[in-house]
Amino acid sequence: MELNRYELNTEEGYFSLKDYVAKKRNTQDVIFYATAPSRTVAADNPYIYPLTKNGIPVLITNTPVEEFIFHEMETYEGLKFANV
């Protein structure tokens, strides 16, 4: 998982899970993710919009396999994965 990179709803580029943990809110106890073909498509998701508006990062995965991996991993650095 350390080699995987994902897009975020809050900024452009590709980020690792470690990068996500550094960018999350201090009060945030989950890693939010959503499956979408691209960051642009994810921006139109009504479930992601409120998080984006509040500056909460969401990992954008572009394959359903990633969703399966997050479900099987359950946690990363003590944070549970939450599908938006």
N, C-alpha and C. Protein backbone atom coordinates (compact mmCIF):
# COMPACT_ATOMS: atom_id res chain seq x y z
N MET A 1 0.81 -1.20 0.00
CA MET A 1 0.00 0.00 0.00
C MET A 1 0.86 1.26 0.00
N GLU A 2 2.08 1.17 0.47
CA GLU A 2 2.94 2.35 0.52
C GLU A 2 3.26 2.90 -0.87
N LEU A 3 3.19 2.06 -1.89
CA LEU A 3 3.51 2.51 -3.25
C LEU A 3 2.32 3.08 -4.00
N ASN A 4 1.12 2.81 -3.55
CA ASN A 4 -0.09 3.28 -4.24
C ASN A 4 -0.24 4.79 -4.07
N ARG A 5 -0.75 5.43 -5.12
CA ARG A 5 -1.01 6.86 -5.10
C ARG A 5 -2.44 7.12 -5.54
N TYR A 6 -3.03 8.11 -4.94
CA TYR A 6 -4.44 8.44 -5.19
C TYR A 6 -4.59 9.94 -5.40
N GLU A 7 -5.65 10.31 -6.08
CA GLU A 7 -6.00 11.72 -6.18
C GLU A 7 -6.79 12.09 -4.93
N LEU A 8 -6.83 13.38 -4.63
CA LEU A 8 -7.63 13.89 -3.52
C LEU A 8 -8.64 14.89 -4.06
N ASN A 9 -9.74 15.03 -3.36
CA ASN A 9 -10.74 16.02 -3.73
C ASN A 9 -10.31 17.44 -3.42
N THR A 10 -9.39 17.61 -2.49
CA THR A 10 -9.03 18.94 -2.01
C THR A 10 -7.87 19.60 -2.73
N GLU A 11 -7.06 18.82 -3.46
CA GLU A 11 -5.94 19.41 -4.20
C GLU A 11 -5.49 18.48 -5.32
N GLU A 12 -4.82 19.06 -6.30
CA GLU A 12 -4.39 18.29 -7.46
C GLU A 12 -3.10 17.54 -7.16
N GLY A 13 -2.91 16.44 -7.87
CA GLY A 13 -1.72 15.63 -7.71
C GLY A 13 -2.08 14.23 -7.24
N TYR A 14 -1.05 13.46 -6.95
CA TYR A 14 -1.24 12.08 -6.48
C TYR A 14 -0.57 11.95 -5.12
N PHE A 15 -1.26 11.26 -4.22
CA PHE A 15 -0.82 11.19 -2.83
C PHE A 15 -0.88 9.77 -2.30
N SER A 16 0.02 9.45 -1.38
CA SER A 16 0.03 8.15 -0.72
C SER A 16 -0.90 8.18 0.49
N LEU A 17 -1.11 7.04 1.09
CA LEU A 17 -1.90 6.99 2.32
C LEU A 17 -1.20 7.78 3.43
N LYS A 18 0.12 7.72 3.45
CA LYS A 18 0.88 8.47 4.45
C LYS A 18 0.67 9.98 4.25
N ASP A 19 0.65 10.42 2.99
CA ASP A 19 0.36 11.83 2.69
C ASP A 19 -1.04 12.20 3.18
N TYR A 20 -1.99 11.30 2.96
CA TYR A 20 -3.37 11.56 3.38
C TYR A 20 -3.43 11.77 4.89
N VAL A 21 -2.78 10.89 5.63
CA VAL A 21 -2.80 10.99 7.09
C VAL A 21 -2.23 12.34 7.54
N ALA A 22 -1.21 12.82 6.85
CA ALA A 22 -0.61 14.12 7.19
C ALA A 22 -1.56 15.28 6.86
N LYS A 23 -2.43 15.11 5.86
CA LYS A 23 -3.32 16.18 5.42
C LYS A 23 -4.69 16.18 6.12
N LYS A 24 -5.05 15.09 6.76
CA LYS A 24 -6.38 14.99 7.36
C LYS A 24 -6.53 15.97 8.52
N ARG A 25 -7.76 16.20 8.90
CA ARG A 25 -8.05 17.06 10.04
C ARG A 25 -7.61 16.35 11.33
N ASN A 26 -7.21 17.11 12.34
CA ASN A 26 -6.79 16.53 13.61
C ASN A 26 -7.90 15.75 14.29
N THR A 27 -9.13 16.18 14.10
CA THR A 27 -10.27 15.53 14.74
C THR A 27 -10.82 14.35 13.92
N GLN A 28 -10.28 14.15 12.74
CA GLN A 28 -10.77 13.12 11.83
C GLN A 28 -10.23 11.75 12.25
N ASP A 29 -11.13 10.77 12.40
CA ASP A 29 -10.70 9.44 12.83
C ASP A 29 -10.92 8.37 11.77
N VAL A 30 -11.20 8.78 10.53
CA VAL A 30 -11.39 7.84 9.43
C VAL A 30 -10.67 8.37 8.18
N ILE A 31 -10.41 7.46 7.26
CA ILE A 31 -9.89 7.81 5.94
C ILE A 31 -11.05 7.71 4.97
N PHE A 32 -11.49 8.84 4.46
CA PHE A 32 -12.60 8.84 3.50
C PHE A 32 -12.08 8.50 2.12
N TYR A 33 -12.84 7.69 1.39
CA TYR A 33 -12.48 7.37 0.01
C TYR A 33 -13.74 7.22 -0.83
N ALA A 34 -13.56 7.38 -2.13
CA ALA A 34 -14.65 7.20 -3.08
C ALA A 34 -14.06 6.65 -4.38
N THR A 35 -14.84 5.85 -5.07
CA THR A 35 -14.41 5.32 -6.36
C THR A 35 -15.04 6.16 -7.46
N ALA A 36 -14.18 6.68 -8.32
CA ALA A 36 -14.64 7.50 -9.45
C ALA A 36 -13.56 7.42 -10.54
N PRO A 37 -13.95 7.58 -11.79
CA PRO A 37 -12.98 7.50 -12.87
C PRO A 37 -11.91 8.61 -12.82
N SER A 38 -12.26 9.76 -12.23
CA SER A 38 -11.31 10.86 -12.14
C SER A 38 -11.72 11.83 -11.03
N ARG A 39 -10.81 12.72 -10.72
CA ARG A 39 -11.09 13.74 -9.71
C ARG A 39 -12.23 14.66 -10.16
N THR A 40 -12.28 14.95 -11.45
CA THR A 40 -13.33 15.80 -12.00
C THR A 40 -14.70 15.18 -11.82
N VAL A 41 -14.82 13.90 -12.10
CA VAL A 41 -16.09 13.19 -11.92
C VAL A 41 -16.45 13.14 -10.44
N ALA A 42 -15.47 12.90 -9.60
CA ALA A 42 -15.72 12.82 -8.15
C ALA A 42 -16.24 14.15 -7.60
N ALA A 43 -15.82 15.25 -8.19
CA ALA A 43 -16.26 16.57 -7.73
C ALA A 43 -17.77 16.74 -7.86
N ASP A 44 -18.38 16.01 -8.79
CA ASP A 44 -19.83 16.09 -8.98
C ASP A 44 -20.61 15.16 -8.06
N ASN A 45 -19.91 14.38 -7.27
CA ASN A 45 -20.56 13.44 -6.36
C ASN A 45 -21.18 14.21 -5.19
N PRO A 46 -22.49 14.09 -4.99
CA PRO A 46 -23.14 14.85 -3.91
C PRO A 46 -22.71 14.43 -2.51
N TYR A 47 -22.11 13.27 -2.37
CA TYR A 47 -21.63 12.82 -1.06
C TYR A 47 -20.24 13.39 -0.75
N ILE A 48 -19.48 13.70 -1.79
CA ILE A 48 -18.15 14.26 -1.59
C ILE A 48 -18.20 15.77 -1.40
N TYR A 49 -19.16 16.42 -2.02
CA TYR A 49 -19.24 17.89 -1.99
C TYR A 49 -19.18 18.48 -0.58
N PRO A 50 -19.97 18.01 0.39
CA PRO A 50 -19.90 18.61 1.73
C PRO A 50 -18.52 18.46 2.38
N LEU A 51 -17.85 17.35 2.10
CA LEU A 51 -16.52 17.15 2.66
C LEU A 51 -15.53 18.12 2.01
N THR A 52 -15.63 18.27 0.69
CA THR A 52 -14.77 19.21 -0.03
C THR A 52 -14.99 20.62 0.49
N LYS A 53 -16.24 20.99 0.66
CA LYS A 53 -16.59 22.33 1.14
C LYS A 53 -15.96 22.61 2.51
N ASN A 54 -15.83 21.58 3.33
CA ASN A 54 -15.25 21.73 4.67
C ASN A 54 -13.76 21.41 4.72
N GLY A 55 -13.14 21.20 3.54
CA GLY A 55 -11.70 20.97 3.49
C GLY A 55 -11.25 19.60 3.97
N ILE A 56 -12.18 18.65 3.99
CA ILE A 56 -11.85 17.29 4.44
C ILE A 56 -11.43 16.48 3.23
N PRO A 57 -10.21 15.91 3.24
CA PRO A 57 -9.74 15.17 2.07
C PRO A 57 -10.45 13.83 1.89
N VAL A 58 -10.68 13.49 0.63
CA VAL A 58 -11.25 12.20 0.25
C VAL A 58 -10.33 11.60 -0.80
N LEU A 59 -9.90 10.35 -0.57
CA LEU A 59 -9.10 9.64 -1.56
C LEU A 59 -9.99 9.29 -2.74
N ILE A 60 -9.53 9.55 -3.95
CA ILE A 60 -10.27 9.19 -5.14
C ILE A 60 -9.59 7.98 -5.76
N THR A 61 -10.24 6.84 -5.71
CA THR A 61 -9.70 5.63 -6.33
C THR A 61 -10.40 5.43 -7.66
N ASN A 62 -9.67 4.96 -8.63
CA ASN A 62 -10.30 4.80 -9.95
C ASN A 62 -10.55 3.36 -10.33
N THR A 63 -10.35 2.43 -9.40
CA THR A 63 -10.67 1.04 -9.67
C THR A 63 -11.45 0.44 -8.50
N PRO A 64 -12.42 -0.40 -8.78
CA PRO A 64 -13.16 -1.06 -7.70
C PRO A 64 -12.28 -1.97 -6.85
N VAL A 65 -11.14 -2.39 -7.39
CA VAL A 65 -10.23 -3.26 -6.63
C VAL A 65 -9.72 -2.53 -5.39
N GLU A 66 -9.45 -1.24 -5.52
CA GLU A 66 -8.99 -0.46 -4.36
C GLU A 66 -10.03 -0.47 -3.25
N GLU A 67 -11.28 -0.36 -3.61
CA GLU A 67 -12.35 -0.41 -2.61
C GLU A 67 -12.32 -1.74 -1.87
N PHE A 68 -12.11 -2.81 -2.58
CA PHE A 68 -12.01 -4.14 -1.97
C PHE A 68 -10.80 -4.19 -1.02
N ILE A 69 -9.68 -3.64 -1.46
CA ILE A 69 -8.47 -3.64 -0.63
C ILE A 69 -8.70 -2.86 0.66
N PHE A 70 -9.31 -1.68 0.56
CA PHE A 70 -9.59 -0.88 1.76
C PHE A 70 -10.51 -1.65 2.71
N HIS A 71 -11.50 -2.33 2.15
CA HIS A 71 -12.42 -3.10 2.99
C HIS A 71 -11.67 -4.22 3.71
N GLU A 72 -10.78 -4.89 3.03
CA GLU A 72 -10.03 -5.99 3.63
C GLU A 72 -8.98 -5.50 4.63
N MET A 73 -8.35 -4.36 4.35
CA MET A 73 -7.34 -3.81 5.27
C MET A 73 -7.98 -3.33 6.57
N GLU A 74 -9.15 -2.78 6.47
CA GLU A 74 -9.91 -2.21 7.58
C GLU A 74 -9.32 -0.94 8.17
N THR A 75 -8.01 -0.90 8.46
CA THR A 75 -7.40 0.30 9.05
C THR A 75 -6.03 0.57 8.43
N TYR A 76 -5.61 1.81 8.57
CA TYR A 76 -4.25 2.22 8.22
C TYR A 76 -3.82 3.22 9.28
N GLU A 77 -2.73 2.93 9.95
CA GLU A 77 -2.23 3.76 11.05
C GLU A 77 -3.34 4.08 12.06
N GLY A 78 -4.16 3.08 12.34
CA GLY A 78 -5.21 3.23 13.34
C GLY A 78 -6.48 3.92 12.86
N LEU A 79 -6.52 4.31 11.59
CA LEU A 79 -7.70 4.99 11.03
C LEU A 79 -8.49 4.01 10.18
N LYS A 80 -9.78 3.93 10.42
CA LYS A 80 -10.64 3.07 9.61
C LYS A 80 -10.92 3.73 8.27
N PHE A 81 -11.17 2.90 7.26
CA PHE A 81 -11.55 3.39 5.94
C PHE A 81 -13.06 3.57 5.91
N ALA A 82 -13.51 4.67 5.34
CA ALA A 82 -14.95 4.95 5.23
C ALA A 82 -15.28 5.32 3.78
N ASN A 83 -16.13 4.52 3.16
CA ASN A 83 -16.56 4.80 1.80
C ASN A 83 -17.59 5.92 1.84
N VAL A 84 -17.30 6.98 1.10
CA VAL A 84 -18.21 8.12 1.07
C VAL A 84 -19.51 7.70 0.41
